[in-house]
PDB file of N, CA and C in Angstrom:
ATOM      1  N   MET A   1     -24.773 -33.018 -53.042  1.00  0.00           N
ATOM      2  CA  MET A   1     -24.993 -31.675 -53.153  1.00  0.00           C
ATOM      3  C   MET A   1     -24.710 -30.843 -51.615  1.00  0.00           C
ATOM      4  N   PRO A   2     -25.044 -31.122 -50.605  1.00  0.00           N
ATOM      5  CA  PRO A   2     -24.462 -30.500 -49.257  1.00  0.00           C
ATOM      6  C   PRO A   2     -23.076 -30.173 -49.349  1.00  0.00           C
ATOM      7  N   PRO A   3     -21.939 -30.963 -49.770  1.00  0.00           N
ATOM      8  CA  PRO A   3     -20.744 -30.784 -49.486  1.00  0.00           C
ATOM      9  C   PRO A   3     -20.377 -29.674 -50.610  1.00  0.00           C
ATOM     10  N   LEU A   4     -21.394 -29.377 -51.680  1.00  0.00           N
ATOM     11  CA  LEU A   4     -20.912 -28.213 -52.544  1.00  0.00           C
ATOM     12  C   LEU A   4     -21.397 -26.996 -51.894  1.00  0.00           C
ATOM     13  N   ILE A   5     -22.596 -27.000 -51.270  1.00  0.00           N
ATOM     14  CA  ILE A   5     -22.971 -26.050 -50.531  1.00  0.00           C
ATOM     15  C   ILE A   5     -21.930 -25.419 -49.401  1.00  0.00           C
ATOM     16  N   ALA A   6     -21.539 -26.399 -48.813  1.00  0.00           N
ATOM     17  CA  ALA A   6     -20.695 -26.037 -47.670  1.00  0.00           C
ATOM     18  C   ALA A   6     -19.357 -25.472 -48.124  1.00  0.00           C
ATOM     19  N   ALA A   7     -18.894 -26.157 -49.275  1.00  0.00           N
ATOM     20  CA  ALA A   7     -17.656 -25.481 -49.905  1.00  0.00           C
ATOM     21  C   ALA A   7     -17.860 -24.164 -50.334  1.00  0.00           C
ATOM     22  N   MET A   8     -18.847 -23.798 -50.879  1.00  0.00           N
ATOM     23  CA  MET A   8     -19.224 -22.420 -51.427  1.00  0.00           C
ATOM     24  C   MET A   8     -19.377 -21.597 -50.221  1.00  0.00           C
ATOM     25  N   LEU A   9     -19.949 -22.145 -49.137  1.00  0.00           N
ATOM     26  CA  LEU A   9     -20.174 -20.934 -47.817  1.00  0.00           C
ATOM     27  C   LEU A   9     -18.683 -20.819 -47.356  1.00  0.00           C
ATOM     28  N   VAL A  10     -17.741 -22.082 -47.192  1.00  0.00           N
ATOM     29  CA  VAL A  10     -16.356 -21.720 -46.545  1.00  0.00           C
ATOM     30  C   VAL A  10     -15.764 -20.865 -47.577  1.00  0.00           C
ATOM     31  N   GLY A  11     -15.639 -20.824 -48.880  1.00  0.00           N
ATOM     32  CA  GLY A  11     -15.054 -19.866 -49.840  1.00  0.00           C
ATOM     33  C   GLY A  11     -15.448 -18.632 -49.793  1.00  0.00           C
ATOM     34  N   ALA A  12     -16.854 -18.472 -49.354  1.00  0.00           N
ATOM     35  CA  ALA A  12     -17.500 -16.959 -49.257  1.00  0.00           C
ATOM     36  C   ALA A  12     -16.832 -16.344 -48.035  1.00  0.00           C
ATOM     37  N   GLY A  13     -16.780 -17.114 -47.031  1.00  0.00           N
ATOM     38  CA  GLY A  13     -16.461 -16.801 -45.535  1.00  0.00           C
ATOM     39  C   GLY A  13     -14.933 -16.261 -45.803  1.00  0.00           C
ATOM     40  N   ALA A  14     -14.141 -17.182 -46.354  1.00  0.00           N
ATOM     41  CA  ALA A  14     -12.660 -16.803 -46.548  1.00  0.00           C
ATOM     42  C   ALA A  14     -12.461 -15.605 -47.239  1.00  0.00           C
ATOM     43  N   TYR A  15     -13.414 -15.321 -48.605  1.00  0.00           N
ATOM     44  CA  TYR A  15     -13.155 -14.198 -49.276  1.00  0.00           C
ATOM     45  C   TYR A  15     -13.540 -12.881 -48.440  1.00  0.00           C
ATOM     46  N   ALA A  16     -14.551 -13.141 -47.586  1.00  0.00           N
ATOM     47  CA  ALA A  16     -15.210 -11.864 -46.854  1.00  0.00           C
ATOM     48  C   ALA A  16     -14.043 -11.632 -45.629  1.00  0.00           C
ATOM     49  N   GLY A  17     -13.263 -12.743 -45.232  1.00  0.00           N
ATOM     50  CA  GLY A  17     -12.369 -12.539 -44.226  1.00  0.00           C
ATOM     51  C   GLY A  17     -10.989 -11.809 -44.807  1.00  0.00           C
ATOM     52  N   LEU A  18     -10.638 -12.091 -45.981  1.00  0.00           N
ATOM     53  CA  LEU A  18      -9.511 -11.545 -46.574  1.00  0.00           C
ATOM     54  C   LEU A  18      -9.822 -10.412 -47.025  1.00  0.00           C
ATOM     55  N   ARG A  19     -10.989  -9.817 -47.463  1.00  0.00           N
ATOM     56  CA  ARG A  19     -11.352  -8.441 -47.735  1.00  0.00           C
ATOM     57  C   ARG A  19     -11.479  -7.515 -46.451  1.00  0.00           C
ATOM     58  N   ALA A  20     -11.819  -8.121 -45.384  1.00  0.00           N
ATOM     59  CA  ALA A  20     -11.634  -7.193 -44.175  1.00  0.00           C
ATOM     60  C   ALA A  20     -10.315  -7.106 -43.452  1.00  0.00           C
ATOM     61  N   VAL A  21      -9.660  -8.239 -43.915  1.00  0.00           N
ATOM     62  CA  VAL A  21      -8.205  -7.882 -43.398  1.00  0.00           C
ATOM     63  C   VAL A  21      -7.291  -7.036 -44.269  1.00  0.00           C
ATOM     64  N   HIS A  22      -7.598  -6.611 -45.592  1.00  0.00           N
ATOM     65  CA  HIS A  22      -7.179  -5.913 -46.331  1.00  0.00           C
ATOM     66  C   HIS A  22      -7.616  -4.616 -45.926  1.00  0.00           C
ATOM     67  N   ARG A  23      -8.759  -4.228 -45.633  1.00  0.00           N
ATOM     68  CA  ARG A  23      -9.342  -3.027 -45.398  1.00  0.00           C
ATOM     69  C   ARG A  23      -8.682  -2.497 -44.067  1.00  0.00           C
ATOM     70  N   ILE A  24      -8.682  -3.476 -43.126  1.00  0.00           N
ATOM     71  CA  ILE A  24      -7.951  -3.163 -41.740  1.00  0.00           C
ATOM     72  C   ILE A  24      -6.476  -2.665 -42.072  1.00  0.00           C
ATOM     73  N   LEU A  25      -5.783  -3.452 -42.805  1.00  0.00           N
ATOM     74  CA  LEU A  25      -4.357  -2.947 -43.083  1.00  0.00           C
ATOM     75  C   LEU A  25      -4.320  -1.858 -43.700  1.00  0.00           C
ATOM     76  N   ALA A  26      -5.188  -1.457 -44.793  1.00  0.00           N
ATOM     77  CA  ALA A  26      -4.967  -0.239 -45.696  1.00  0.00           C
ATOM     78  C   ALA A  26      -5.120   1.010 -44.564  1.00  0.00           C
ATOM     79  N   SER A  27      -6.152   0.640 -43.639  1.00  0.00           N
ATOM     80  CA  SER A  27      -6.415   2.005 -42.740  1.00  0.00           C
ATOM     81  C   SER A  27      -5.118   2.098 -41.723  1.00  0.00           C
ATOM     82  N   TRP A  28      -4.625   0.848 -41.179  1.00  0.00           N
ATOM     83  CA  TRP A  28      -3.591   1.207 -40.615  1.00  0.00           C
ATOM     84  C   TRP A  28      -2.519   1.848 -41.249  1.00  0.00           C
ATOM     85  N   SER A  29      -2.156   1.652 -42.745  1.00  0.00           N
ATOM     86  CA  SER A  29      -0.889   2.238 -43.146  1.00  0.00           C
ATOM     87  C   SER A  29      -1.361   3.746 -43.491  1.00  0.00           C
ATOM     88  N   GLU A  30      -2.751   4.139 -43.677  1.00  0.00           N
ATOM     89  CA  GLU A  30      -3.292   5.256 -43.945  1.00  0.00           C
ATOM     90  C   GLU A  30      -2.920   6.084 -42.777  1.00  0.00           C
ATOM     91  N   ILE A  31      -3.049   5.656 -41.561  1.00  0.00           N
ATOM     92  CA  ILE A  31      -3.028   6.367 -40.023  1.00  0.00           C
ATOM     93  C   ILE A  31      -1.417   6.386 -39.989  1.00  0.00           C
ATOM     94  N   GLU A  32      -0.695   5.416 -40.470  1.00  0.00           N
ATOM     95  CA  GLU A  32       0.621   5.919 -40.151  1.00  0.00           C
ATOM     96  C   GLU A  32       1.259   6.679 -40.811  1.00  0.00           C
ATOM     97  N   ALA A  33       0.835   6.582 -42.205  1.00  0.00           N
ATOM     98  CA  ALA A  33       1.340   7.621 -43.183  1.00  0.00           C
ATOM     99  C   ALA A  33       0.877   9.093 -42.789  1.00  0.00           C
ATOM    100  N   GLY A  34      -0.201   9.230 -42.213  1.00  0.00           N
ATOM    101  CA  GLY A  34      -0.574  10.669 -42.030  1.00  0.00           C
ATOM    102  C   GLY A  34      -0.007  11.165 -40.601  1.00  0.00           C
ATOM    103  N   SER A  35       0.444  10.283 -39.631  1.00  0.00           N
ATOM    104  CA  SER A  35       1.063  10.756 -38.360  1.00  0.00           C
ATOM    105  C   SER A  35       2.649  10.907 -38.448  1.00  0.00           C
ATOM    106  N   HIS A  36       3.111  10.723 -39.651  1.00  0.00           N
ATOM    107  CA  HIS A  36       4.465  11.062 -39.856  1.00  0.00           C
ATOM    108  C   HIS A  36       4.933  12.398 -39.602  1.00  0.00           C
ATOM    109  N   PRO A  37       6.092  12.903 -38.833  1.00  0.00           N
ATOM    110  CA  PRO A  37       6.034  14.212 -38.537  1.00  0.00           C
ATOM    111  C   PRO A  37       6.580  14.934 -39.945  1.00  0.00           C
ATOM    112  N   ASP A  38       7.280  14.193 -40.914  1.00  0.00           N
ATOM    113  CA  ASP A  38       7.744  14.922 -42.039  1.00  0.00           C
ATOM    114  C   ASP A  38       6.630  15.060 -42.962  1.00  0.00           C
ATOM    115  N   LYS A  39       5.399  14.922 -42.876  1.00  0.00           N
ATOM    116  CA  LYS A  39       4.370  15.123 -43.740  1.00  0.00           C
ATOM    117  C   LYS A  39       4.008  16.454 -43.380  1.00  0.00           C
ATOM    118  N   GLY A  40       4.313  17.312 -42.543  1.00  0.00           N
ATOM    119  CA  GLY A  40       3.823  18.662 -42.137  1.00  0.00           C
ATOM    120  C   GLY A  40       2.532  18.615 -41.115  1.00  0.00           C
ATOM    121  N   GLN A  41       2.496  17.567 -40.558  1.00  0.00           N
ATOM    122  CA  GLN A  41       1.697  17.621 -39.368  1.00  0.00           C
ATOM    123  C   GLN A  41       2.000  18.370 -38.046  1.00  0.00           C
ATOM    124  N   ALA A  42       1.019  18.655 -37.402  1.00  0.00           N
ATOM    125  CA  ALA A  42       1.520  19.471 -36.012  1.00  0.00           C
ATOM    126  C   ALA A  42       2.057  18.625 -35.212  1.00  0.00           C
ATOM    127  N   PRO A  43       3.020  19.223 -34.345  1.00  0.00           N
ATOM    128  CA  PRO A  43       3.863  18.436 -33.238  1.00  0.00           C
ATOM    129  C   PRO A  43       2.850  17.802 -32.373  1.00  0.00           C
ATOM    130  N   THR A  44       3.386  16.613 -31.774  1.00  0.00           N
ATOM    131  CA  THR A  44       2.491  15.955 -30.951  1.00  0.00           C
ATOM    132  C   THR A  44       2.494  16.486 -29.424  1.00  0.00           C
ATOM    133  N   GLY A  45       3.153  17.508 -29.326  1.00  0.00           N
ATOM    134  CA  GLY A  45       2.989  18.197 -27.828  1.00  0.00           C
ATOM    135  C   GLY A  45       4.203  17.851 -26.969  1.00  0.00           C
ATOM    136  N   ILE A  46       5.180  17.023 -27.544  1.00  0.00           N
ATOM    137  CA  ILE A  46       6.500  16.792 -26.696  1.00  0.00           C
ATOM    138  C   ILE A  46       7.393  17.732 -27.194  1.00  0.00           C
ATOM    139  N   VAL A  47       8.115  18.656 -26.128  1.00  0.00           N
ATOM    140  CA  VAL A  47       8.888  19.639 -26.204  1.00  0.00           C
ATOM    141  C   VAL A  47      10.016  19.328 -25.912  1.00  0.00           C
ATOM    142  N   GLU A  48      11.180  19.292 -26.780  1.00  0.00           N
ATOM    143  CA  GLU A  48      12.639  18.975 -26.370  1.00  0.00           C
ATOM    144  C   GLU A  48      13.440  20.286 -25.765  1.00  0.00           C
ATOM    145  N   LYS A  49      13.885  20.451 -24.762  1.00  0.00           N
ATOM    146  CA  LYS A  49      14.685  21.601 -24.363  1.00  0.00           C
ATOM    147  C   LYS A  49      16.323  21.252 -24.288  1.00  0.00           C
ATOM    148  N   ASP A  50      17.202  21.954 -24.779  1.00  0.00           N
ATOM    149  CA  ASP A  50      18.502  21.606 -24.395  1.00  0.00           C
ATOM    150  C   ASP A  50      18.822  22.118 -23.116  1.00  0.00           C
ATOM    151  N   LEU A  51      19.013  21.680 -22.279  1.00  0.00           N
ATOM    152  CA  LEU A  51      19.265  22.136 -20.685  1.00  0.00           C
ATOM    153  C   LEU A  51      20.897  22.170 -20.413  1.00  0.00           C
ATOM    154  N   GLY A  52      21.709  21.709 -21.763  1.00  0.00           N
ATOM    155  CA  GLY A  52      23.233  21.860 -21.408  1.00  0.00           C
ATOM    156  C   GLY A  52      23.579  20.570 -20.492  1.00  0.00           C
ATOM    157  N   SER A  53      24.481  20.850 -19.727  1.00  0.00           N
ATOM    158  CA  SER A  53      24.854  19.750 -18.902  1.00  0.00           C
ATOM    159  C   SER A  53      24.169  19.845 -17.509  1.00  0.00           C
ATOM    160  N   LEU A  54      23.944  18.884 -16.817  1.00  0.00           N
ATOM    161  CA  LEU A  54      22.999  18.641 -15.653  1.00  0.00           C
ATOM    162  C   LEU A  54      24.060  18.245 -14.644  1.00  0.00           C
ATOM    163  N   GLU A  55      23.616  18.605 -13.295  1.00  0.00           N
ATOM    164  CA  GLU A  55      24.466  18.310 -12.089  1.00  0.00           C
ATOM    165  C   GLU A  55      23.364  17.820 -10.807  1.00  0.00           C
ATOM    166  N   LEU A  56      23.956  16.671 -10.241  1.00  0.00           N
ATOM    167  CA  LEU A  56      22.887  16.238  -9.502  1.00  0.00           C
ATOM    168  C   LEU A  56      23.051  16.913  -8.195  1.00  0.00           C
ATOM    169  N   ASP A  57      21.745  17.339  -7.493  1.00  0.00           N
ATOM    170  CA  ASP A  57      21.929  17.811  -6.207  1.00  0.00           C
ATOM    171  C   ASP A  57      21.757  16.661  -5.232  1.00  0.00           C
ATOM    172  N   PRO A  58      22.921  16.594  -4.295  1.00  0.00           N
ATOM    173  CA  PRO A  58      22.981  15.336  -3.489  1.00  0.00           C
ATOM    174  C   PRO A  58      21.725  15.471  -2.329  1.00  0.00           C
ATOM    175  N   ALA A  59      21.364  16.492  -2.045  1.00  0.00           N
ATOM    176  CA  ALA A  59      20.385  16.604  -1.037  1.00  0.00           C
ATOM    177  C   ALA A  59      19.159  16.217  -1.385  1.00  0.00           C
ATOM    178  N   THR A  60      18.779  16.568  -2.826  1.00  0.00           N
ATOM    179  CA  THR A  60      17.354  15.971  -3.133  1.00  0.00           C
ATOM    180  C   THR A  60      17.342  14.989  -4.174  1.00  0.00           C
ATOM    181  N   GLY A  61      18.520  14.643  -4.707  1.00  0.00           N
ATOM    182  CA  GLY A  61      18.559  13.472  -5.660  1.00  0.00           C
ATOM    183  C   GLY A  61      17.939  14.064  -7.003  1.00  0.00           C
ATOM    184  N   ILE A  62      17.903  15.243  -7.327  1.00  0.00           N
ATOM    185  CA  ILE A  62      17.275  15.692  -8.653  1.00  0.00           C
ATOM    186  C   ILE A  62      18.465  16.395  -9.203  1.00  0.00           C
ATOM    187  N   TYR A  63      18.460  16.168 -10.567  1.00  0.00           N
ATOM    188  CA  TYR A  63      19.210  16.783 -11.565  1.00  0.00           C
ATOM    189  C   TYR A  63      18.761  18.191 -11.934  1.00  0.00           C
ATOM    190  N   HIS A  64      19.628  19.008 -11.820  1.00  0.00           N
ATOM    191  CA  HIS A  64      19.445  20.529 -12.210  1.00  0.00           C
ATOM    192  C   HIS A  64      20.481  21.161 -13.260  1.00  0.00           C
ATOM    193  N   PRO A  65      20.144  22.025 -14.114  1.00  0.00           N
ATOM    194  CA  PRO A  65      21.200  22.210 -15.034  1.00  0.00           C
ATOM    195  C   PRO A  65      22.149  23.125 -14.397  1.00  0.00           C
ATOM    196  N   ALA A  66      23.405  22.762 -14.939  1.00  0.00           N
ATOM    197  CA  ALA A  66      24.815  23.288 -14.299  1.00  0.00           C
ATOM    198  C   ALA A  66      24.765  24.831 -14.654  1.00  0.00           C
ATOM    199  N   LYS A  67      25.237  25.272 -13.402  1.00  0.00           N
ATOM    200  CA  LYS A  67      25.477  26.741 -13.564  1.00  0.00           C
ATOM    201  C   LYS A  67      26.581  27.142 -14.358  1.00  0.00           C
ATOM    202  N   PRO A  68      26.712  28.116 -15.284  1.00  0.00           N
ATOM    203  CA  PRO A  68      27.744  28.378 -16.261  1.00  0.00           C
ATOM    204  C   PRO A  68      29.010  29.151 -15.368  1.00  0.00           C
ATOM    205  N   ALA A  69      30.178  28.490 -15.901  1.00  0.00           N
ATOM    206  CA  ALA A  69      31.477  28.946 -15.460  1.00  0.00           C
ATOM    207  C   ALA A  69      31.535  30.496 -15.864  1.00  0.00           C
ATOM    208  N   ARG A  70      32.184  31.290 -14.871  1.00  0.00           N
ATOM    209  CA  ARG A  70      32.269  32.720 -15.330  1.00  0.00           C
ATOM    210  C   ARG A  70      33.692  33.056 -15.267  1.00  0.00           C
TER     211      ARG A  70
END
């Protein structure tokens, strides 16, 4: 009788563990689906700007937008 009780406990633990993993994976997929930018969500705060071509300032080592040719 003790091996039967042990087998039942192991089975119940495995079932509960699988349900927990399933819940976690389902919540991750909901989070991932909700944060996709094509779903009409607000932007994440990252703004991309087109600065055109950049030139290196040799004195400071910093890139600046190139001055337009006139």
